[in-house]
Amino acid sequence: MKISIELTLLPLQNDFEEHIIAFIKKLRASNFKVLENPLSTQIYGDYDSLMPFLTEEIKSSFENLDNAVINLKIIKSDRSNYEPNF
């Protein structure tokens, strides 16, 4: 099953930027399609391979942070080619 995930990592500390950059670089280095914008990152792939990957990467990021929030939106479909029609 294909899924699309929009995520935003929010480190709650002063050196937040380096942690966000490191997290995005790990996503980029994966075999999944990754799209970025100034407010969030989207990653696309098969549920059974993407979810374990994200679980490990989120855990790894959290281990390097004192306090953090991650927002996830998961859509059951591949929306990587979405274009507004209005």
PDB file of N, CA and C in Angstrom:
ATOM      1  N   MET A   1       0.838  -1.169   0.000  1.00  0.00           N
ATOM      2  CA  MET A   1       0.000   0.000   0.000  1.00  0.00           C
ATOM      3  C   MET A   1       0.889   1.240   0.000  1.00  0.00           C
ATOM      4  N   LYS A   2       0.632   2.137  -0.913  1.00  0.00           N
ATOM      5  CA  LYS A   2       1.390   3.389  -1.012  1.00  0.00           C
ATOM      6  C   LYS A   2       0.849   4.418  -0.029  1.00  0.00           C
ATOM      7  N   ILE A   3       1.774   5.169   0.588  1.00  0.00           N
ATOM      8  CA  ILE A   3       1.371   6.233   1.499  1.00  0.00           C
ATOM      9  C   ILE A   3       2.193   7.494   1.233  1.00  0.00           C
ATOM     10  N   SER A   4       1.643   8.600   1.693  1.00  0.00           N
ATOM     11  CA  SER A   4       2.304   9.903   1.651  1.00  0.00           C
ATOM     12  C   SER A   4       2.321  10.422   3.078  1.00  0.00           C
ATOM     13  N   ILE A   5       3.460  10.932   3.511  1.00  0.00           N
ATOM     14  CA  ILE A   5       3.569  11.449   4.872  1.00  0.00           C
ATOM     15  C   ILE A   5       4.148  12.852   4.827  1.00  0.00           C
ATOM     16  N   GLU A   6       3.454  13.762   5.492  1.00  0.00           N
ATOM     17  CA  GLU A   6       3.978  15.106   5.683  1.00  0.00           C
ATOM     18  C   GLU A   6       4.444  15.177   7.135  1.00  0.00           C
ATOM     19  N   LEU A   7       5.681  15.617   7.340  1.00  0.00           N
ATOM     20  CA  LEU A   7       6.182  15.681   8.698  1.00  0.00           C
ATOM     21  C   LEU A   7       6.944  16.969   8.955  1.00  0.00           C
ATOM     22  N   THR A   8       6.887  17.375  10.213  1.00  0.00           N
ATOM     23  CA  THR A   8       7.601  18.557  10.662  1.00  0.00           C
ATOM     24  C   THR A   8       8.238  18.225  11.997  1.00  0.00           C
ATOM     25  N   LEU A   9       9.565  18.318  12.060  1.00  0.00           N
ATOM     26  CA  LEU A   9      10.306  18.124  13.299  1.00  0.00           C
ATOM     27  C   LEU A   9      10.478  19.478  13.966  1.00  0.00           C
ATOM     28  N   LEU A  10      10.115  19.560  15.234  1.00  0.00           N
ATOM     29  CA  LEU A  10      10.190  20.809  15.988  1.00  0.00           C
ATOM     30  C   LEU A  10      11.035  20.609  17.246  1.00  0.00           C
ATOM     31  N   PRO A  11      12.353  20.754  17.143  1.00  0.00           N
ATOM     32  CA  PRO A  11      13.186  20.673  18.345  1.00  0.00           C
ATOM     33  C   PRO A  11      12.911  21.876  19.245  1.00  0.00           C
ATOM     34  N   LEU A  12      12.683  21.642  20.509  1.00  0.00           N
ATOM     35  CA  LEU A  12      12.361  22.716  21.440  1.00  0.00           C
ATOM     36  C   LEU A  12      13.619  23.124  22.209  1.00  0.00           C
ATOM     37  N   GLN A  13      14.584  23.620  21.457  1.00  0.00           N
ATOM     38  CA  GLN A  13      15.836  24.072  22.040  1.00  0.00           C
ATOM     39  C   GLN A  13      16.502  25.057  21.093  1.00  0.00           C
ATOM     40  N   ASN A  14      17.494  25.780  21.601  1.00  0.00           N
ATOM     41  CA  ASN A  14      18.098  26.873  20.840  1.00  0.00           C
ATOM     42  C   ASN A  14      18.821  26.429  19.576  1.00  0.00           C
ATOM     43  N   ASP A  15      19.447  25.271  19.583  1.00  0.00           N
ATOM     44  CA  ASP A  15      20.196  24.808  18.406  1.00  0.00           C
ATOM     45  C   ASP A  15      19.322  23.940  17.491  1.00  0.00           C
ATOM     46  N   PHE A  16      18.079  24.348  17.310  1.00  0.00           N
ATOM     47  CA  PHE A  16      17.096  23.557  16.570  1.00  0.00           C
ATOM     48  C   PHE A  16      17.472  23.323  15.116  1.00  0.00           C
ATOM     49  N   GLU A  17      18.089  24.326  14.479  1.00  0.00           N
ATOM     50  CA  GLU A  17      18.322  24.249  13.042  1.00  0.00           C
ATOM     51  C   GLU A  17      19.216  23.073  12.647  1.00  0.00           C
ATOM     52  N   GLU A  18      20.286  22.843  13.360  1.00  0.00           N
ATOM     53  CA  GLU A  18      21.196  21.744  13.007  1.00  0.00           C
ATOM     54  C   GLU A  18      20.509  20.385  13.110  1.00  0.00           C
ATOM     55  N   HIS A  19      19.578  20.229  14.053  1.00  0.00           N
ATOM     56  CA  HIS A  19      18.859  18.960  14.203  1.00  0.00           C
ATOM     57  C   HIS A  19      17.864  18.747  13.064  1.00  0.00           C
ATOM     58  N   ILE A  20      17.220  19.811  12.644  1.00  0.00           N
ATOM     59  CA  ILE A  20      16.280  19.716  11.514  1.00  0.00           C
ATOM     60  C   ILE A  20      17.038  19.361  10.235  1.00  0.00           C
ATOM     61  N   ILE A  21      18.154  20.021  10.007  1.00  0.00           N
ATOM     62  CA  ILE A  21      18.963  19.757   8.811  1.00  0.00           C
ATOM     63  C   ILE A  21      19.447  18.310   8.800  1.00  0.00           C
ATOM     64  N   ALA A  22      19.933  17.817   9.939  1.00  0.00           N
ATOM     65  CA  ALA A  22      20.412  16.430  10.015  1.00  0.00           C
ATOM     66  C   ALA A  22      19.283  15.442   9.721  1.00  0.00           C
ATOM     67  N   PHE A  23      18.102  15.720  10.248  1.00  0.00           N
ATOM     68  CA  PHE A  23      16.953  14.842  10.023  1.00  0.00           C
ATOM     69  C   PHE A  23      16.576  14.814   8.542  1.00  0.00           C
ATOM     70  N   ILE A  24      16.502  15.974   7.913  1.00  0.00           N
ATOM     71  CA  ILE A  24      16.154  16.046   6.492  1.00  0.00           C
ATOM     72  C   ILE A  24      17.206  15.350   5.636  1.00  0.00           C
ATOM     73  N   LYS A  25      18.472  15.501   5.976  1.00  0.00           N
ATOM     74  CA  LYS A  25      19.528  14.828   5.214  1.00  0.00           C
ATOM     75  C   LYS A  25      19.396  13.314   5.288  1.00  0.00           C
ATOM     76  N   LYS A  26      18.974  12.777   6.437  1.00  0.00           N
ATOM     77  CA  LYS A  26      18.753  11.330   6.551  1.00  0.00           C
ATOM     78  C   LYS A  26      17.589  10.894   5.665  1.00  0.00           C
ATOM     79  N   LEU A  27      16.549  11.711   5.619  1.00  0.00           N
ATOM     80  CA  LEU A  27      15.418  11.380   4.740  1.00  0.00           C
ATOM     81  C   LEU A  27      15.845  11.413   3.281  1.00  0.00           C
ATOM     82  N   ARG A  28      16.599  12.438   2.908  1.00  0.00           N
ATOM     83  CA  ARG A  28      17.083  12.557   1.524  1.00  0.00           C
ATOM     84  C   ARG A  28      17.946  11.364   1.116  1.00  0.00           C
ATOM     85  N   ALA A  29      18.725  10.831   2.051  1.00  0.00           N
ATOM     86  CA  ALA A  29      19.644   9.724   1.747  1.00  0.00           C
ATOM     87  C   ALA A  29      18.921   8.384   1.594  1.00  0.00           C
ATOM     88  N   SER A  30      17.635   8.353   1.885  1.00  0.00           N
ATOM     89  CA  SER A  30      16.870   7.113   1.770  1.00  0.00           C
ATOM     90  C   SER A  30      16.522   6.839   0.311  1.00  0.00           C
ATOM     91  N   ASN A  31      15.898   5.699   0.078  1.00  0.00           N
ATOM     92  CA  ASN A  31      15.437   5.336  -1.264  1.00  0.00           C
ATOM     93  C   ASN A  31      14.030   5.847  -1.551  1.00  0.00           C
ATOM     94  N   PHE A  32      13.479   6.631  -0.629  1.00  0.00           N
ATOM     95  CA  PHE A  32      12.114   7.133  -0.784  1.00  0.00           C
ATOM     96  C   PHE A  32      12.123   8.487  -1.481  1.00  0.00           C
ATOM     97  N   LYS A  33      11.016   8.814  -2.110  1.00  0.00           N
ATOM     98  CA  LYS A  33      10.872  10.135  -2.726  1.00  0.00           C
ATOM     99  C   LYS A  33      10.617  11.148  -1.615  1.00  0.00           C
ATOM    100  N   VAL A  34      11.420  12.210  -1.586  1.00  0.00           N
ATOM    101  CA  VAL A  34      11.321  13.245  -0.557  1.00  0.00           C
ATOM    102  C   VAL A  34      11.162  14.597  -1.235  1.00  0.00           C
ATOM    103  N   LEU A  35      10.153  15.354  -0.816  1.00  0.00           N
ATOM    104  CA  LEU A  35       9.937  16.715  -1.286  1.00  0.00           C
ATOM    105  C   LEU A  35       9.933  17.632  -0.069  1.00  0.00           C
ATOM    106  N   GLU A  36      10.483  18.823  -0.228  1.00  0.00           N
ATOM    107  CA  GLU A  36      10.573  19.754   0.888  1.00  0.00           C
ATOM    108  C   GLU A  36       9.954  21.089   0.523  1.00  0.00           C
ATOM    109  N   ASN A  37       9.467  21.770   1.538  1.00  0.00           N
ATOM    110  CA  ASN A  37       9.071  23.168   1.404  1.00  0.00           C
ATOM    111  C   ASN A  37       9.496  23.863   2.697  1.00  0.00           C
ATOM    112  N   PRO A  38       9.333  25.152   2.824  1.00  0.00           N
ATOM    113  CA  PRO A  38       9.827  25.844   4.014  1.00  0.00           C
ATOM    114  C   PRO A  38       9.167  25.424   5.329  1.00  0.00           C
ATOM    115  N   LEU A  39       8.006  24.800   5.272  1.00  0.00           N
ATOM    116  CA  LEU A  39       7.285  24.475   6.500  1.00  0.00           C
ATOM    117  C   LEU A  39       7.269  23.000   6.871  1.00  0.00           C
ATOM    118  N   SER A  40       7.509  22.122   5.904  1.00  0.00           N
ATOM    119  CA  SER A  40       7.440  20.689   6.187  1.00  0.00           C
ATOM    120  C   SER A  40       8.191  19.899   5.121  1.00  0.00           C
ATOM    121  N   THR A  41       8.257  18.610   5.357  1.00  0.00           N
ATOM    122  CA  THR A  41       8.882  17.689   4.415  1.00  0.00           C
ATOM    123  C   THR A  41       7.875  16.586   4.125  1.00  0.00           C
ATOM    124  N   GLN A  42       7.801  16.177   2.875  1.00  0.00           N
ATOM    125  CA  GLN A  42       6.930  15.069   2.502  1.00  0.00           C
ATOM    126  C   GLN A  42       7.800  13.900   2.051  1.00  0.00           C
ATOM    127  N   ILE A  43       7.368  12.701   2.428  1.00  0.00           N
ATOM    128  CA  ILE A  43       8.070  11.490   2.023  1.00  0.00           C
ATOM    129  C   ILE A  43       7.024  10.486   1.543  1.00  0.00           C
ATOM    130  N   TYR A  44       7.363   9.769   0.490  1.00  0.00           N
ATOM    131  CA  TYR A  44       6.410   8.891  -0.194  1.00  0.00           C
ATOM    132  C   TYR A  44       7.004   7.502  -0.362  1.00  0.00           C
ATOM    133  N   GLY A  45       6.162   6.483  -0.173  1.00  0.00           N
ATOM    134  CA  GLY A  45       6.648   5.130  -0.395  1.00  0.00           C
ATOM    135  C   GLY A  45       5.636   4.091   0.032  1.00  0.00           C
ATOM    136  N   ASP A  46       6.110   2.855   0.102  1.00  0.00           N
ATOM    137  CA  ASP A  46       5.283   1.728   0.508  1.00  0.00           C
ATOM    138  C   ASP A  46       5.192   1.697   2.034  1.00  0.00           C
ATOM    139  N   TYR A  47       4.000   1.510   2.554  1.00  0.00           N
ATOM    140  CA  TYR A  47       3.764   1.531   4.004  1.00  0.00           C
ATOM    141  C   TYR A  47       4.718   0.614   4.756  1.00  0.00           C
ATOM    142  N   ASP A  48       4.843  -0.633   4.304  1.00  0.00           N
ATOM    143  CA  ASP A  48       5.626  -1.632   5.034  1.00  0.00           C
ATOM    144  C   ASP A  48       7.122  -1.336   5.081  1.00  0.00           C
ATOM    145  N   SER A  49       7.629  -0.538   4.179  1.00  0.00           N
ATOM    146  CA  SER A  49       9.044  -0.165   4.236  1.00  0.00           C
ATOM    147  C   SER A  49       9.248   1.244   4.779  1.00  0.00           C
ATOM    148  N   LEU A  50       8.312   2.140   4.517  1.00  0.00           N
ATOM    149  CA  LEU A  50       8.468   3.526   4.959  1.00  0.00           C
ATOM    150  C   LEU A  50       8.275   3.687   6.466  1.00  0.00           C
ATOM    151  N   MET A  51       7.285   3.037   7.036  1.00  0.00           N
ATOM    152  CA  MET A  51       7.011   3.220   8.460  1.00  0.00           C
ATOM    153  C   MET A  51       8.160   2.742   9.358  1.00  0.00           C
ATOM    154  N   PRO A  52       8.752   1.569   9.129  1.00  0.00           N
ATOM    155  CA  PRO A  52       9.899   1.181   9.957  1.00  0.00           C
ATOM    156  C   PRO A  52      11.093   2.133   9.791  1.00  0.00           C
ATOM    157  N   PHE A  53      11.306   2.601   8.568  1.00  0.00           N
ATOM    158  CA  PHE A  53      12.380   3.568   8.322  1.00  0.00           C
ATOM    159  C   PHE A  53      12.147   4.834   9.146  1.00  0.00           C
ATOM    160  N   LEU A  54      10.938   5.382   9.084  1.00  0.00           N
ATOM    161  CA  LEU A  54      10.642   6.612   9.827  1.00  0.00           C
ATOM    162  C   LEU A  54      10.720   6.389  11.331  1.00  0.00           C
ATOM    163  N   THR A  55      10.271   5.246  11.797  1.00  0.00           N
ATOM    164  CA  THR A  55      10.349   4.939  13.230  1.00  0.00           C
ATOM    165  C   THR A  55      11.794   5.016  13.713  1.00  0.00           C
ATOM    166  N   GLU A  56      12.705   4.439  12.955  1.00  0.00           N
ATOM    167  CA  GLU A  56      14.125   4.465  13.329  1.00  0.00           C
ATOM    168  C   GLU A  56      14.707   5.869  13.255  1.00  0.00           C
ATOM    169  N   GLU A  57      14.381   6.603  12.212  1.00  0.00           N
ATOM    170  CA  GLU A  57      14.936   7.956  12.059  1.00  0.00           C
ATOM    171  C   GLU A  57      14.376   8.931  13.094  1.00  0.00           C
ATOM    172  N   ILE A  58      13.112   8.789  13.436  1.00  0.00           N
ATOM    173  CA  ILE A  58      12.528   9.634  14.480  1.00  0.00           C
ATOM    174  C   ILE A  58      13.172   9.305  15.824  1.00  0.00           C
ATOM    175  N   LYS A  59      13.317   8.033  16.113  1.00  0.00           N
ATOM    176  CA  LYS A  59      13.957   7.627  17.365  1.00  0.00           C
ATOM    177  C   LYS A  59      15.378   8.165  17.445  1.00  0.00           C
ATOM    178  N   SER A  60      16.125   8.039  16.368  1.00  0.00           N
ATOM    179  CA  SER A  60      17.503   8.538  16.326  1.00  0.00           C
ATOM    180  C   SER A  60      17.542  10.044  16.578  1.00  0.00           C
ATOM    181  N   SER A  61      16.650  10.783  15.961  1.00  0.00           N
ATOM    182  CA  SER A  61      16.598  12.230  16.172  1.00  0.00           C
ATOM    183  C   SER A  61      16.224  12.567  17.606  1.00  0.00           C
ATOM    184  N   PHE A  62      15.243  11.880  18.139  1.00  0.00           N
ATOM    185  CA  PHE A  62      14.814  12.139  19.511  1.00  0.00           C
ATOM    186  C   PHE A  62      15.927  11.853  20.517  1.00  0.00           C
ATOM    187  N   GLU A  63      16.758  10.854  20.237  1.00  0.00           N
ATOM    188  CA  GLU A  63      17.863  10.538  21.145  1.00  0.00           C
ATOM    189  C   GLU A  63      18.884  11.662  21.222  1.00  0.00           C
ATOM    190  N   ASN A  64      18.948  12.510  20.198  1.00  0.00           N
ATOM    191  CA  ASN A  64      19.894  13.628  20.169  1.00  0.00           C
ATOM    192  C   ASN A  64      19.272  14.949  20.600  1.00  0.00           C
ATOM    193  N   LEU A  65      18.035  14.916  21.058  1.00  0.00           N
ATOM    194  CA  LEU A  65      17.325  16.141  21.448  1.00  0.00           C
ATOM    195  C   LEU A  65      16.844  16.029  22.892  1.00  0.00           C
ATOM    196  N   ASP A  66      16.855  17.153  23.599  1.00  0.00           N
ATOM    197  CA  ASP A  66      16.305  17.160  24.951  1.00  0.00           C
ATOM    198  C   ASP A  66      14.779  17.143  24.917  1.00  0.00           C
ATOM    199  N   ASN A  67      14.211  17.978  24.053  1.00  0.00           N
ATOM    200  CA  ASN A  67      12.757  18.078  23.908  1.00  0.00           C
ATOM    201  C   ASN A  67      12.435  18.332  22.443  1.00  0.00           C
ATOM    202  N   ALA A  68      11.413  17.645  21.960  1.00  0.00           N
ATOM    203  CA  ALA A  68      11.039  17.828  20.557  1.00  0.00           C
ATOM    204  C   ALA A  68       9.606  17.371  20.330  1.00  0.00           C
ATOM    205  N   VAL A  69       9.043  17.902  19.264  1.00  0.00           N
ATOM    206  CA  VAL A  69       7.714  17.502  18.801  1.00  0.00           C
ATOM    207  C   VAL A  69       7.868  17.123  17.338  1.00  0.00           C
ATOM    208  N   ILE A  70       7.148  16.102  16.914  1.00  0.00           N
ATOM    209  CA  ILE A  70       7.090  15.802  15.483  1.00  0.00           C
ATOM    210  C   ILE A  70       5.616  15.694  15.098  1.00  0.00           C
ATOM    211  N   ASN A  71       5.266  16.417  14.060  1.00  0.00           N
ATOM    212  CA  ASN A  71       3.900  16.367  13.520  1.00  0.00           C
ATOM    213  C   ASN A  71       3.920  15.502  12.270  1.00  0.00           C
ATOM    214  N   LEU A  72       2.994  14.548  12.202  1.00  0.00           N
ATOM    215  CA  LEU A  72       2.879  13.664  11.045  1.00  0.00           C
ATOM    216  C   LEU A  72       1.451  13.680  10.516  1.00  0.00           C
ATOM    217  N   LYS A  73       1.344  13.724   9.204  1.00  0.00           N
ATOM    218  CA  LYS A  73       0.067  13.496   8.528  1.00  0.00           C
ATOM    219  C   LYS A  73       0.314  12.346   7.572  1.00  0.00           C
ATOM    220  N   ILE A  74      -0.473  11.307   7.682  1.00  0.00           N
ATOM    221  CA  ILE A  74      -0.307  10.131   6.836  1.00  0.00           C
ATOM    222  C   ILE A  74      -1.543   9.989   5.949  1.00  0.00           C
ATOM    223  N   ILE A  75      -1.304   9.895   4.656  1.00  0.00           N
ATOM    224  CA  ILE A  75      -2.390   9.751   3.681  1.00  0.00           C
ATOM    225  C   ILE A  75      -2.231   8.406   2.990  1.00  0.00           C
ATOM    226  N   LYS A  76      -3.301   7.683   2.868  1.00  0.00           N
ATOM    227  CA  LYS A  76      -3.268   6.388   2.192  1.00  0.00           C
ATOM    228  C   LYS A  76      -3.390   6.590   0.689  1.00  0.00           C
ATOM    229  N   SER A  77      -2.290   6.939   0.075  1.00  0.00           N
ATOM    230  CA  SER A  77      -2.149   7.035  -1.378  1.00  0.00           C
ATOM    231  C   SER A  77      -0.848   7.778  -1.653  1.00  0.00           C
ATOM    232  N   ASP A  78      -0.367   7.630  -2.852  1.00  0.00           N
ATOM    233  CA  ASP A  78       0.839   8.354  -3.264  1.00  0.00           C
ATOM    234  C   ASP A  78       0.405   9.678  -3.869  1.00  0.00           C
ATOM    235  N   ARG A  79       0.634  10.771  -3.146  1.00  0.00           N
ATOM    236  CA  ARG A  79       0.219  12.103  -3.585  1.00  0.00           C
ATOM    237  C   ARG A  79       1.398  12.907  -4.114  1.00  0.00           C
ATOM    238  N   SER A  80       2.501  12.238  -4.441  1.00  0.00           N
ATOM    239  CA  SER A  80       3.720  12.943  -4.845  1.00  0.00           C
ATOM    240  C   SER A  80       3.572  13.706  -6.155  1.00  0.00           C
ATOM    241  N   ASN A  81       2.605  13.364  -6.969  1.00  0.00           N
ATOM    242  CA  ASN A  81       2.410  14.056  -8.236  1.00  0.00           C
ATOM    243  C   ASN A  81       1.221  15.009  -8.205  1.00  0.00           C
ATOM    244  N   TYR A  82       0.765  15.350  -7.018  1.00  0.00           N
ATOM    245  CA  TYR A  82      -0.397  16.237  -6.890  1.00  0.00           C
ATOM    246  C   TYR A  82      -0.118  17.613  -7.473  1.00  0.00           C
ATOM    247  N   GLU A  83      -1.061  18.086  -8.252  1.00  0.00           N
ATOM    248  CA  GLU A  83      -1.032  19.443  -8.767  1.00  0.00           C
ATOM    249  C   GLU A  83      -2.421  20.028  -8.629  1.00  0.00           C
ATOM    250  N   PRO A  84      -2.529  21.214  -8.060  1.00  0.00           N
ATOM    251  CA  PRO A  84      -3.856  21.844  -7.914  1.00  0.00           C
ATOM    252  C   PRO A  84      -4.500  22.057  -9.282  1.00  0.00           C
ATOM    253  N   ASN A  85      -5.796  21.877  -9.348  1.00  0.00           N
ATOM    254  CA  ASN A  85      -6.513  22.083 -10.609  1.00  0.00           C
ATOM    255  C   ASN A  85      -7.487  23.257 -10.513  1.00  0.00           C
ATOM    256  N   PHE A  86      -7.132  24.233  -9.719  1.00  0.00           N
ATOM    257  CA  PHE A  86      -7.991  25.422  -9.588  1.00  0.00           C
ATOM    258  C   PHE A  86      -7.192  26.688  -9.766  1.00  0.00           C
TER     259      PHE A  86
END
